[in-house]
Amino acid sequence: YHIFNESCATYALSQKQIILAKGYLYKFIKALKKNIATPDNIEYWAKKQEDIKRSHPEIIEVWKSTLIPLYESFSHEVAYKYLTRLNIRTCPYCNRQYTFTISKGGDGTFHTRPEYDHFFDKSSYPLLALSFYNLVPSCHDCNHGKSTKSSGINPFFDGFSAKFVIAGKDGRRLNKNEIARLND
């Protein structure tokens, strides 16, 4: 709340905007505790943020400055435990790159893990920056190739065991360079 209050002052939010920002943040945290792990709930919060961005873009900025640093902290402290429990061995987007997690003892000399792709990008949807159902363990190529674009496939809802294949109009499987040019 300290970071949140500082951000409200930095972005010069009115009292009404602060109440609105805190209210939605509180509702989101409450929903998160109840388990928002359904496509409808994730879509609801993504749409809610789009609505708020249109009417009060400064609230999104406050959430970004509050929640994205918390994600960065999470990704260093909890990421290995979370990824180990998921036990996902290959990137769910390309099914080609390994994404297993390796961590060596307390001295911290060797760590490797997949990257987290934010299915809904954290800049546009800061409330979802820390939602486990928005953090898809992926390989470097897919995470950075996708960037803030939507892949349309959320493995948490479509299944990690499914083999996703992106094909062209002719039915031929596309390689990653061809996939990257689809949105151009």
N, C-alpha and C. Protein backbone atom coordinates (compact mmCIF):
# COMPACT_ATOMS: atom_id res chain seq x y z
N TYR A 1 0.81 -1.20 0.00
CA TYR A 1 0.00 0.00 0.00
C TYR A 1 0.86 1.27 0.00
N HIS A 2 2.03 1.18 0.60
CA HIS A 2 2.94 2.33 0.59
C HIS A 2 3.32 2.70 -0.85
N ILE A 3 3.72 1.69 -1.64
CA ILE A 3 4.07 1.92 -3.05
C ILE A 3 2.86 2.45 -3.81
N PHE A 4 1.69 1.86 -3.54
CA PHE A 4 0.46 2.29 -4.19
C PHE A 4 0.19 3.76 -3.89
N ASN A 5 0.29 4.15 -2.63
CA ASN A 5 0.03 5.55 -2.24
C ASN A 5 1.03 6.50 -2.87
N GLU A 6 2.30 6.10 -2.95
CA GLU A 6 3.30 6.94 -3.61
C GLU A 6 2.98 7.11 -5.08
N SER A 7 2.53 6.01 -5.72
CA SER A 7 2.17 6.08 -7.14
C SER A 7 0.97 6.99 -7.37
N CYS A 8 0.00 6.94 -6.46
CA CYS A 8 -1.16 7.83 -6.58
C CYS A 8 -0.72 9.28 -6.53
N ALA A 9 0.22 9.60 -5.65
CA ALA A 9 0.73 10.97 -5.56
C ALA A 9 1.53 11.35 -6.80
N THR A 10 2.35 10.43 -7.28
CA THR A 10 3.18 10.69 -8.47
C THR A 10 2.31 11.01 -9.68
N TYR A 11 1.23 10.26 -9.85
CA TYR A 11 0.36 10.46 -11.00
C TYR A 11 -0.78 11.44 -10.71
N ALA A 12 -0.75 12.08 -9.57
CA ALA A 12 -1.70 13.12 -9.17
C ALA A 12 -3.15 12.67 -9.34
N LEU A 13 -3.48 11.50 -8.81
CA LEU A 13 -4.84 11.01 -8.86
C LEU A 13 -5.73 11.81 -7.92
N SER A 14 -6.93 12.07 -8.37
CA SER A 14 -7.91 12.73 -7.51
C SER A 14 -8.37 11.73 -6.45
N GLN A 15 -9.06 12.23 -5.42
CA GLN A 15 -9.56 11.35 -4.37
C GLN A 15 -10.51 10.30 -4.95
N LYS A 16 -11.33 10.71 -5.90
CA LYS A 16 -12.28 9.79 -6.55
C LYS A 16 -11.52 8.69 -7.30
N GLN A 17 -10.46 9.06 -8.02
CA GLN A 17 -9.67 8.08 -8.76
C GLN A 17 -8.94 7.13 -7.81
N ILE A 18 -8.45 7.63 -6.70
CA ILE A 18 -7.77 6.78 -5.71
C ILE A 18 -8.74 5.75 -5.16
N ILE A 19 -9.95 6.19 -4.83
CA ILE A 19 -10.96 5.26 -4.31
C ILE A 19 -11.30 4.21 -5.37
N LEU A 20 -11.43 4.63 -6.62
CA LEU A 20 -11.72 3.71 -7.71
C LEU A 20 -10.58 2.70 -7.90
N ALA A 21 -9.35 3.20 -7.93
CA ALA A 21 -8.18 2.33 -8.12
C ALA A 21 -8.05 1.33 -6.98
N LYS A 22 -8.20 1.80 -5.74
CA LYS A 22 -8.11 0.91 -4.57
C LYS A 22 -9.25 -0.10 -4.58
N GLY A 23 -10.44 0.38 -4.93
CA GLY A 23 -11.61 -0.49 -4.94
C GLY A 23 -11.46 -1.66 -5.90
N TYR A 24 -11.03 -1.36 -7.13
CA TYR A 24 -10.83 -2.44 -8.11
C TYR A 24 -9.68 -3.35 -7.71
N LEU A 25 -8.63 -2.76 -7.17
CA LEU A 25 -7.49 -3.57 -6.72
C LEU A 25 -7.94 -4.51 -5.61
N TYR A 26 -8.73 -4.00 -4.67
CA TYR A 26 -9.24 -4.83 -3.58
C TYR A 26 -10.14 -5.94 -4.12
N LYS A 27 -11.05 -5.60 -5.04
CA LYS A 27 -11.95 -6.62 -5.64
C LYS A 27 -11.15 -7.68 -6.37
N PHE A 28 -10.09 -7.25 -7.07
CA PHE A 28 -9.27 -8.20 -7.80
C PHE A 28 -8.56 -9.15 -6.84
N ILE A 29 -7.97 -8.61 -5.78
CA ILE A 29 -7.27 -9.45 -4.80
C ILE A 29 -8.24 -10.41 -4.14
N LYS A 30 -9.43 -9.93 -3.83
CA LYS A 30 -10.45 -10.79 -3.23
C LYS A 30 -10.84 -11.92 -4.21
N ALA A 31 -11.02 -11.58 -5.48
CA ALA A 31 -11.35 -12.58 -6.50
C ALA A 31 -10.20 -13.57 -6.67
N LEU A 32 -8.98 -13.07 -6.60
CA LEU A 32 -7.80 -13.92 -6.73
C LEU A 32 -7.76 -14.94 -5.60
N LYS A 33 -8.09 -14.51 -4.40
CA LYS A 33 -8.12 -15.43 -3.26
C LYS A 33 -9.18 -16.51 -3.43
N LYS A 34 -10.29 -16.16 -4.11
CA LYS A 34 -11.36 -17.12 -4.35
C LYS A 34 -11.04 -18.06 -5.51
N ASN A 35 -10.01 -17.74 -6.28
CA ASN A 35 -9.58 -18.52 -7.43
C ASN A 35 -10.24 -18.02 -8.70
N ILE A 36 -9.51 -17.23 -9.45
CA ILE A 36 -10.03 -16.69 -10.71
C ILE A 36 -9.56 -17.52 -11.90
N ALA A 37 -9.32 -18.78 -11.66
CA ALA A 37 -8.72 -19.63 -12.68
C ALA A 37 -9.71 -20.17 -13.70
N THR A 38 -10.50 -19.30 -14.25
CA THR A 38 -11.35 -19.71 -15.35
C THR A 38 -11.15 -18.71 -16.48
N PRO A 39 -11.30 -19.15 -17.70
CA PRO A 39 -11.14 -18.20 -18.81
C PRO A 39 -12.08 -17.00 -18.69
N ASP A 40 -13.32 -17.23 -18.23
CA ASP A 40 -14.27 -16.13 -18.11
C ASP A 40 -13.80 -15.09 -17.11
N ASN A 41 -13.25 -15.51 -15.97
CA ASN A 41 -12.78 -14.57 -14.96
C ASN A 41 -11.56 -13.80 -15.43
N ILE A 42 -10.63 -14.49 -16.07
CA ILE A 42 -9.44 -13.80 -16.61
C ILE A 42 -9.88 -12.79 -17.67
N GLU A 43 -10.77 -13.20 -18.55
CA GLU A 43 -11.28 -12.30 -19.60
C GLU A 43 -12.01 -11.11 -18.97
N TYR A 44 -12.77 -11.36 -17.90
CA TYR A 44 -13.49 -10.28 -17.22
C TYR A 44 -12.50 -9.21 -16.74
N TRP A 45 -11.42 -9.64 -16.07
CA TRP A 45 -10.47 -8.67 -15.52
C TRP A 45 -9.68 -7.98 -16.62
N ALA A 46 -9.41 -8.69 -17.70
CA ALA A 46 -8.73 -8.05 -18.83
C ALA A 46 -9.64 -6.97 -19.43
N LYS A 47 -10.91 -7.29 -19.62
CA LYS A 47 -11.86 -6.31 -20.17
C LYS A 47 -12.04 -5.14 -19.20
N LYS A 48 -12.12 -5.42 -17.92
CA LYS A 48 -12.29 -4.37 -16.92
C LYS A 48 -11.12 -3.38 -17.01
N GLN A 49 -9.91 -3.88 -17.20
CA GLN A 49 -8.75 -2.99 -17.31
C GLN A 49 -8.80 -2.16 -18.60
N GLU A 50 -9.31 -2.76 -19.68
CA GLU A 50 -9.46 -1.99 -20.92
C GLU A 50 -10.45 -0.85 -20.72
N ASP A 51 -11.56 -1.13 -20.03
CA ASP A 51 -12.55 -0.09 -19.75
C ASP A 51 -11.94 1.03 -18.90
N ILE A 52 -11.20 0.66 -17.87
CA ILE A 52 -10.58 1.65 -16.99
C ILE A 52 -9.52 2.44 -17.75
N LYS A 53 -8.78 1.77 -18.63
CA LYS A 53 -7.75 2.47 -19.41
C LYS A 53 -8.37 3.56 -20.28
N ARG A 54 -9.57 3.31 -20.80
CA ARG A 54 -10.25 4.32 -21.63
C ARG A 54 -10.73 5.51 -20.78
N SER A 55 -11.27 5.22 -19.60
CA SER A 55 -11.85 6.30 -18.79
C SER A 55 -10.86 6.93 -17.81
N HIS A 56 -9.90 6.14 -17.30
CA HIS A 56 -8.94 6.64 -16.30
C HIS A 56 -7.56 6.02 -16.57
N PRO A 57 -6.88 6.42 -17.64
CA PRO A 57 -5.58 5.79 -17.97
C PRO A 57 -4.54 5.93 -16.86
N GLU A 58 -4.65 6.97 -16.04
CA GLU A 58 -3.67 7.16 -14.96
C GLU A 58 -3.78 6.06 -13.91
N ILE A 59 -4.95 5.45 -13.75
CA ILE A 59 -5.10 4.35 -12.80
C ILE A 59 -4.28 3.15 -13.26
N ILE A 60 -4.28 2.89 -14.55
CA ILE A 60 -3.47 1.79 -15.10
C ILE A 60 -1.99 2.07 -14.81
N GLU A 61 -1.57 3.32 -14.94
CA GLU A 61 -0.17 3.68 -14.66
C GLU A 61 0.17 3.43 -13.19
N VAL A 62 -0.75 3.76 -12.29
CA VAL A 62 -0.52 3.51 -10.87
C VAL A 62 -0.39 2.01 -10.61
N TRP A 63 -1.28 1.23 -11.20
CA TRP A 63 -1.20 -0.23 -11.03
C TRP A 63 0.11 -0.77 -11.60
N LYS A 64 0.53 -0.24 -12.75
CA LYS A 64 1.81 -0.68 -13.34
C LYS A 64 2.96 -0.41 -12.38
N SER A 65 3.02 0.81 -11.87
CA SER A 65 4.15 1.17 -10.99
C SER A 65 4.09 0.44 -9.66
N THR A 66 2.93 -0.09 -9.30
CA THR A 66 2.79 -0.84 -8.05
C THR A 66 2.99 -2.33 -8.26
N LEU A 67 2.35 -2.91 -9.27
CA LEU A 67 2.29 -4.36 -9.42
C LEU A 67 3.44 -4.96 -10.23
N ILE A 68 3.96 -4.24 -11.21
CA ILE A 68 5.06 -4.81 -12.01
C ILE A 68 6.31 -5.01 -11.17
N PRO A 69 6.69 -4.07 -10.27
CA PRO A 69 7.82 -4.34 -9.38
C PRO A 69 7.57 -5.56 -8.48
N LEU A 70 6.32 -5.77 -8.06
CA LEU A 70 6.01 -6.96 -7.27
C LEU A 70 6.22 -8.22 -8.10
N TYR A 71 5.86 -8.17 -9.39
CA TYR A 71 6.11 -9.31 -10.28
C TYR A 71 7.61 -9.57 -10.39
N GLU A 72 8.39 -8.52 -10.57
CA GLU A 72 9.84 -8.68 -10.69
C GLU A 72 10.40 -9.34 -9.43
N SER A 73 9.92 -8.93 -8.28
CA SER A 73 10.36 -9.54 -7.03
C SER A 73 9.93 -11.00 -6.97
N PHE A 74 8.68 -11.27 -7.35
CA PHE A 74 8.17 -12.64 -7.37
C PHE A 74 9.01 -13.51 -8.29
N SER A 75 9.34 -13.00 -9.48
CA SER A 75 10.02 -13.83 -10.46
C SER A 75 11.40 -14.26 -9.98
N HIS A 76 11.97 -13.52 -9.06
CA HIS A 76 13.26 -13.91 -8.52
C HIS A 76 13.12 -14.83 -7.31
N GLU A 77 12.10 -14.62 -6.50
CA GLU A 77 11.97 -15.35 -5.25
C GLU A 77 11.19 -16.65 -5.36
N VAL A 78 10.10 -16.64 -6.10
CA VAL A 78 9.17 -17.76 -6.10
C VAL A 78 9.20 -18.56 -7.40
N ALA A 79 9.77 -18.01 -8.43
CA ALA A 79 9.69 -18.60 -9.77
C ALA A 79 10.14 -20.05 -9.82
N TYR A 80 11.25 -20.38 -9.19
CA TYR A 80 11.76 -21.75 -9.26
C TYR A 80 10.79 -22.74 -8.62
N LYS A 81 10.26 -22.37 -7.47
CA LYS A 81 9.31 -23.27 -6.79
C LYS A 81 8.06 -23.48 -7.63
N TYR A 82 7.52 -22.41 -8.16
CA TYR A 82 6.30 -22.49 -8.96
C TYR A 82 6.53 -23.32 -10.22
N LEU A 83 7.61 -23.05 -10.91
CA LEU A 83 7.90 -23.78 -12.15
C LEU A 83 8.20 -25.25 -11.89
N THR A 84 8.87 -25.55 -10.79
CA THR A 84 9.15 -26.94 -10.45
C THR A 84 7.85 -27.69 -10.20
N ARG A 85 6.91 -27.05 -9.53
CA ARG A 85 5.62 -27.70 -9.25
C ARG A 85 4.81 -27.91 -10.53
N LEU A 86 4.92 -26.99 -11.49
CA LEU A 86 4.20 -27.16 -12.75
C LEU A 86 4.73 -28.34 -13.55
N ASN A 87 6.06 -28.56 -13.46
CA ASN A 87 6.71 -29.68 -14.14
C ASN A 87 6.43 -29.71 -15.65
N ILE A 88 6.56 -28.56 -16.28
CA ILE A 88 6.38 -28.45 -17.73
C ILE A 88 7.76 -28.53 -18.36
N ARG A 89 7.96 -29.49 -19.24
CA ARG A 89 9.29 -29.79 -19.77
C ARG A 89 9.61 -29.11 -21.11
N THR A 90 8.58 -28.72 -21.85
CA THR A 90 8.82 -28.04 -23.12
C THR A 90 7.90 -26.83 -23.23
N CYS A 91 8.29 -25.90 -24.04
CA CYS A 91 7.52 -24.68 -24.24
C CYS A 91 6.14 -25.05 -24.80
N PRO A 92 5.07 -24.60 -24.15
CA PRO A 92 3.74 -24.94 -24.63
C PRO A 92 3.34 -24.26 -25.93
N TYR A 93 4.09 -23.23 -26.33
CA TYR A 93 3.78 -22.55 -27.59
C TYR A 93 4.39 -23.27 -28.79
N CYS A 94 5.66 -23.61 -28.69
CA CYS A 94 6.33 -24.21 -29.85
C CYS A 94 6.55 -25.72 -29.71
N ASN A 95 6.47 -26.23 -28.49
CA ASN A 95 6.72 -27.65 -28.23
C ASN A 95 8.08 -28.12 -28.75
N ARG A 96 9.03 -27.21 -28.81
CA ARG A 96 10.36 -27.56 -29.34
C ARG A 96 11.48 -27.32 -28.34
N GLN A 97 11.37 -26.25 -27.56
CA GLN A 97 12.44 -25.87 -26.63
C GLN A 97 12.15 -26.44 -25.24
N TYR A 98 13.21 -26.88 -24.57
CA TYR A 98 13.06 -27.36 -23.20
C TYR A 98 12.82 -26.19 -22.26
N THR A 99 11.98 -26.43 -21.26
CA THR A 99 11.68 -25.38 -20.29
C THR A 99 11.78 -25.89 -18.86
N PHE A 100 12.57 -26.93 -18.63
CA PHE A 100 12.67 -27.45 -17.27
C PHE A 100 13.45 -26.49 -16.38
N THR A 101 13.31 -26.70 -15.09
CA THR A 101 13.91 -25.82 -14.09
C THR A 101 15.02 -26.55 -13.35
N ILE A 102 16.17 -25.89 -13.25
CA ILE A 102 17.30 -26.44 -12.51
C ILE A 102 17.75 -25.38 -11.52
N SER A 103 17.92 -25.78 -10.28
CA SER A 103 18.40 -24.86 -9.27
C SER A 103 19.41 -25.59 -8.40
N LYS A 104 20.55 -24.99 -8.19
CA LYS A 104 21.58 -25.61 -7.36
C LYS A 104 21.55 -24.99 -5.97
N GLY A 105 21.71 -25.79 -4.98
CA GLY A 105 21.76 -25.46 -3.55
C GLY A 105 21.79 -24.01 -3.14
N GLY A 106 22.11 -23.80 -1.88
CA GLY A 106 22.05 -22.50 -1.24
C GLY A 106 23.09 -21.50 -1.67
N ASP A 107 24.16 -21.93 -2.34
CA ASP A 107 25.19 -20.95 -2.70
C ASP A 107 24.80 -20.13 -3.92
N GLY A 108 23.74 -20.52 -4.63
CA GLY A 108 23.23 -19.73 -5.75
C GLY A 108 24.13 -19.68 -6.95
N THR A 109 24.99 -20.66 -7.15
CA THR A 109 25.92 -20.60 -8.26
C THR A 109 25.32 -20.98 -9.61
N PHE A 110 24.23 -21.75 -9.63
CA PHE A 110 23.69 -22.17 -10.91
C PHE A 110 22.17 -22.25 -10.86
N HIS A 111 21.53 -21.50 -11.71
CA HIS A 111 20.07 -21.53 -11.82
C HIS A 111 19.70 -21.42 -13.30
N THR A 112 18.72 -22.16 -13.70
CA THR A 112 18.14 -21.98 -15.03
C THR A 112 16.67 -22.31 -14.93
N ARG A 113 15.89 -21.60 -15.67
CA ARG A 113 14.45 -21.83 -15.68
C ARG A 113 13.89 -21.19 -16.94
N PRO A 114 12.67 -21.59 -17.31
CA PRO A 114 12.05 -20.93 -18.45
C PRO A 114 11.68 -19.49 -18.11
N GLU A 115 11.35 -18.75 -19.13
CA GLU A 115 10.86 -17.39 -18.92
C GLU A 115 9.36 -17.46 -18.73
N TYR A 116 8.81 -16.42 -18.14
CA TYR A 116 7.37 -16.32 -18.03
C TYR A 116 6.85 -15.44 -19.15
N ASP A 117 5.91 -15.96 -19.91
CA ASP A 117 5.20 -15.14 -20.87
C ASP A 117 3.91 -14.70 -20.19
N HIS A 118 3.64 -13.41 -20.23
CA HIS A 118 2.36 -12.91 -19.74
C HIS A 118 1.38 -13.04 -20.89
N PHE A 119 0.44 -13.98 -20.77
CA PHE A 119 -0.55 -14.18 -21.82
C PHE A 119 -1.22 -12.85 -22.14
N PHE A 120 -1.68 -12.13 -21.10
CA PHE A 120 -2.11 -10.74 -21.24
C PHE A 120 -0.93 -9.92 -20.75
N ASP A 121 -0.34 -9.10 -21.64
CA ASP A 121 0.90 -8.41 -21.28
C ASP A 121 0.73 -7.53 -20.05
N LYS A 122 1.78 -7.51 -19.24
CA LYS A 122 1.70 -6.84 -17.94
C LYS A 122 1.60 -5.32 -18.06
N SER A 123 2.04 -4.73 -19.15
CA SER A 123 1.92 -3.28 -19.30
C SER A 123 0.48 -2.86 -19.53
N SER A 124 -0.25 -3.63 -20.30
CA SER A 124 -1.65 -3.30 -20.57
C SER A 124 -2.60 -3.84 -19.49
N TYR A 125 -2.19 -4.94 -18.86
CA TYR A 125 -3.04 -5.60 -17.87
C TYR A 125 -2.27 -5.82 -16.57
N PRO A 126 -1.91 -4.72 -15.87
CA PRO A 126 -1.08 -4.86 -14.68
C PRO A 126 -1.71 -5.69 -13.56
N LEU A 127 -3.04 -5.70 -13.45
CA LEU A 127 -3.66 -6.52 -12.41
C LEU A 127 -3.34 -8.00 -12.62
N LEU A 128 -3.14 -8.42 -13.87
CA LEU A 128 -2.87 -9.82 -14.17
C LEU A 128 -1.37 -10.14 -14.17
N ALA A 129 -0.54 -9.16 -13.83
CA ALA A 129 0.92 -9.37 -13.83
C ALA A 129 1.34 -10.50 -12.91
N LEU A 130 0.61 -10.71 -11.83
CA LEU A 130 0.96 -11.74 -10.85
C LEU A 130 0.00 -12.92 -10.83
N SER A 131 -0.94 -12.95 -11.73
CA SER A 131 -1.89 -14.06 -11.76
C SER A 131 -1.19 -15.30 -12.34
N PHE A 132 -1.19 -16.40 -11.59
CA PHE A 132 -0.53 -17.61 -12.05
C PHE A 132 -1.11 -18.09 -13.37
N TYR A 133 -2.38 -17.82 -13.62
CA TYR A 133 -3.03 -18.27 -14.85
C TYR A 133 -2.74 -17.34 -16.02
N ASN A 134 -1.95 -16.33 -15.77
CA ASN A 134 -1.50 -15.44 -16.83
C ASN A 134 -0.01 -15.62 -17.10
N LEU A 135 0.67 -16.42 -16.28
CA LEU A 135 2.11 -16.64 -16.41
C LEU A 135 2.37 -17.99 -17.06
N VAL A 136 2.71 -17.97 -18.33
CA VAL A 136 2.94 -19.19 -19.09
C VAL A 136 4.44 -19.43 -19.19
N PRO A 137 4.94 -20.54 -18.62
CA PRO A 137 6.37 -20.83 -18.77
C PRO A 137 6.68 -21.11 -20.23
N SER A 138 7.61 -20.37 -20.79
CA SER A 138 7.90 -20.51 -22.21
C SER A 138 9.39 -20.36 -22.48
N CYS A 139 9.78 -20.73 -23.68
CA CYS A 139 11.18 -20.58 -24.07
C CYS A 139 11.44 -19.10 -24.43
N HIS A 140 12.69 -18.74 -24.49
CA HIS A 140 13.08 -17.37 -24.79
C HIS A 140 12.54 -16.92 -26.14
N ASP A 141 12.67 -17.79 -27.15
CA ASP A 141 12.24 -17.42 -28.50
C ASP A 141 10.75 -17.09 -28.56
N CYS A 142 9.93 -17.94 -27.96
CA CYS A 142 8.48 -17.70 -28.00
C CYS A 142 8.09 -16.48 -27.16
N ASN A 143 8.70 -16.34 -25.99
CA ASN A 143 8.37 -15.21 -25.13
C ASN A 143 8.70 -13.90 -25.81
N HIS A 144 9.87 -13.80 -26.40
CA HIS A 144 10.27 -12.54 -27.03
C HIS A 144 9.70 -12.39 -28.42
N GLY A 145 9.45 -13.49 -29.11
CA GLY A 145 8.83 -13.42 -30.42
C GLY A 145 7.39 -12.97 -30.32
N LYS A 146 6.70 -13.47 -29.32
CA LYS A 146 5.30 -13.10 -29.09
C LYS A 146 5.22 -11.66 -28.59
N SER A 147 6.16 -11.29 -27.73
CA SER A 147 6.21 -9.96 -27.13
C SER A 147 4.87 -9.63 -26.48
N THR A 148 4.24 -8.54 -26.85
CA THR A 148 2.97 -8.17 -26.25
C THR A 148 1.78 -8.61 -27.11
N LYS A 149 2.06 -9.31 -28.21
CA LYS A 149 0.98 -9.79 -29.08
C LYS A 149 0.29 -10.97 -28.41
N SER A 150 -0.96 -11.17 -28.77
CA SER A 150 -1.70 -12.30 -28.24
C SER A 150 -1.45 -13.53 -29.11
N SER A 151 -1.21 -14.66 -28.47
CA SER A 151 -1.05 -15.90 -29.23
C SER A 151 -2.40 -16.54 -29.49
N GLY A 152 -3.41 -16.12 -28.72
CA GLY A 152 -4.74 -16.69 -28.87
C GLY A 152 -4.90 -18.03 -28.17
N ILE A 153 -3.80 -18.61 -27.69
CA ILE A 153 -3.85 -19.92 -27.04
C ILE A 153 -3.28 -19.76 -25.63
N ASN A 154 -4.12 -19.96 -24.62
CA ASN A 154 -3.64 -19.94 -23.25
C ASN A 154 -3.55 -21.39 -22.78
N PRO A 155 -2.33 -21.92 -22.62
CA PRO A 155 -2.18 -23.32 -22.24
C PRO A 155 -2.88 -23.71 -20.95
N PHE A 156 -3.10 -22.76 -20.04
CA PHE A 156 -3.80 -23.10 -18.81
C PHE A 156 -5.24 -23.50 -19.08
N PHE A 157 -5.80 -22.98 -20.14
CA PHE A 157 -7.19 -23.27 -20.45
C PHE A 157 -7.34 -24.24 -21.62
N ASP A 158 -6.35 -24.27 -22.51
CA ASP A 158 -6.42 -25.15 -23.67
C ASP A 158 -5.62 -26.43 -23.46
N GLY A 159 -4.85 -26.49 -22.36
CA GLY A 159 -4.11 -27.70 -22.01
C GLY A 159 -2.64 -27.64 -22.40
N PHE A 160 -1.78 -28.02 -21.46
CA PHE A 160 -0.35 -28.04 -21.72
C PHE A 160 0.05 -29.26 -22.53
N SER A 161 -0.74 -30.31 -22.44
CA SER A 161 -0.35 -31.53 -23.15
C SER A 161 -0.72 -31.50 -24.62
N ALA A 162 -1.60 -30.58 -25.00
CA ALA A 162 -1.97 -30.49 -26.40
C ALA A 162 -0.79 -29.97 -27.20
N LYS A 163 -0.66 -30.44 -28.41
CA LYS A 163 0.40 -29.97 -29.29
C LYS A 163 -0.19 -28.90 -30.20
N PHE A 164 0.20 -27.67 -29.97
CA PHE A 164 -0.31 -26.57 -30.77
C PHE A 164 0.53 -26.45 -32.03
N VAL A 165 -0.13 -26.37 -33.15
CA VAL A 165 0.55 -26.22 -34.42
C VAL A 165 -0.06 -25.02 -35.11
N ILE A 166 0.77 -24.12 -35.55
CA ILE A 166 0.28 -22.97 -36.29
C ILE A 166 0.55 -23.26 -37.76
N ALA A 167 -0.53 -23.27 -38.52
CA ALA A 167 -0.43 -23.62 -39.93
C ALA A 167 -0.86 -22.43 -40.79
N GLY A 168 -0.34 -22.40 -41.99
CA GLY A 168 -0.72 -21.38 -42.95
C GLY A 168 -2.04 -21.74 -43.61
N LYS A 169 -2.50 -20.89 -44.50
CA LYS A 169 -3.77 -21.14 -45.20
C LYS A 169 -3.73 -22.43 -46.00
N ASP A 170 -2.53 -22.83 -46.42
CA ASP A 170 -2.40 -24.06 -47.21
C ASP A 170 -2.30 -25.31 -46.33
N GLY A 171 -2.34 -25.12 -44.99
CA GLY A 171 -2.29 -26.25 -44.07
C GLY A 171 -0.88 -26.66 -43.67
N ARG A 172 0.14 -26.04 -44.27
CA ARG A 172 1.54 -26.35 -43.95
C ARG A 172 1.92 -25.73 -42.62
N ARG A 173 2.66 -26.50 -41.80
CA ARG A 173 3.13 -26.02 -40.50
C ARG A 173 4.13 -24.87 -40.71
N LEU A 174 3.91 -23.76 -40.00
CA LEU A 174 4.77 -22.59 -40.14
C LEU A 174 5.94 -22.67 -39.18
N ASN A 175 7.11 -22.16 -39.62
CA ASN A 175 8.24 -22.08 -38.69
C ASN A 175 8.14 -20.78 -37.90
N LYS A 176 9.02 -20.59 -36.92
CA LYS A 176 8.89 -19.44 -36.02
C LYS A 176 9.05 -18.10 -36.74
N ASN A 177 9.87 -18.03 -37.80
CA ASN A 177 10.00 -16.78 -38.54
C ASN A 177 8.72 -16.44 -39.28
N GLU A 178 8.07 -17.45 -39.85
CA GLU A 178 6.80 -17.23 -40.55
C GLU A 178 5.71 -16.83 -39.56
N ILE A 179 5.75 -17.43 -38.37
CA ILE A 179 4.76 -17.08 -37.34
C ILE A 179 4.93 -15.63 -36.91
N ALA A 180 6.19 -15.22 -36.72
CA ALA A 180 6.46 -13.84 -36.29
C ALA A 180 5.96 -12.81 -37.30
N ARG A 181 5.95 -13.18 -38.60
CA ARG A 181 5.50 -12.24 -39.64
C ARG A 181 3.99 -12.22 -39.83
N LEU A 182 3.25 -13.10 -39.15
CA LEU A 182 1.79 -13.15 -39.33
C LEU A 182 1.11 -11.85 -38.98
N ASN A 183 1.59 -11.14 -37.96
CA ASN A 183 0.96 -9.89 -37.53
C ASN A 183 1.49 -8.67 -38.26
N ASP A 184 2.46 -8.86 -39.14
CA ASP A 184 3.03 -7.71 -39.89
C ASP A 184 2.08 -7.22 -40.95
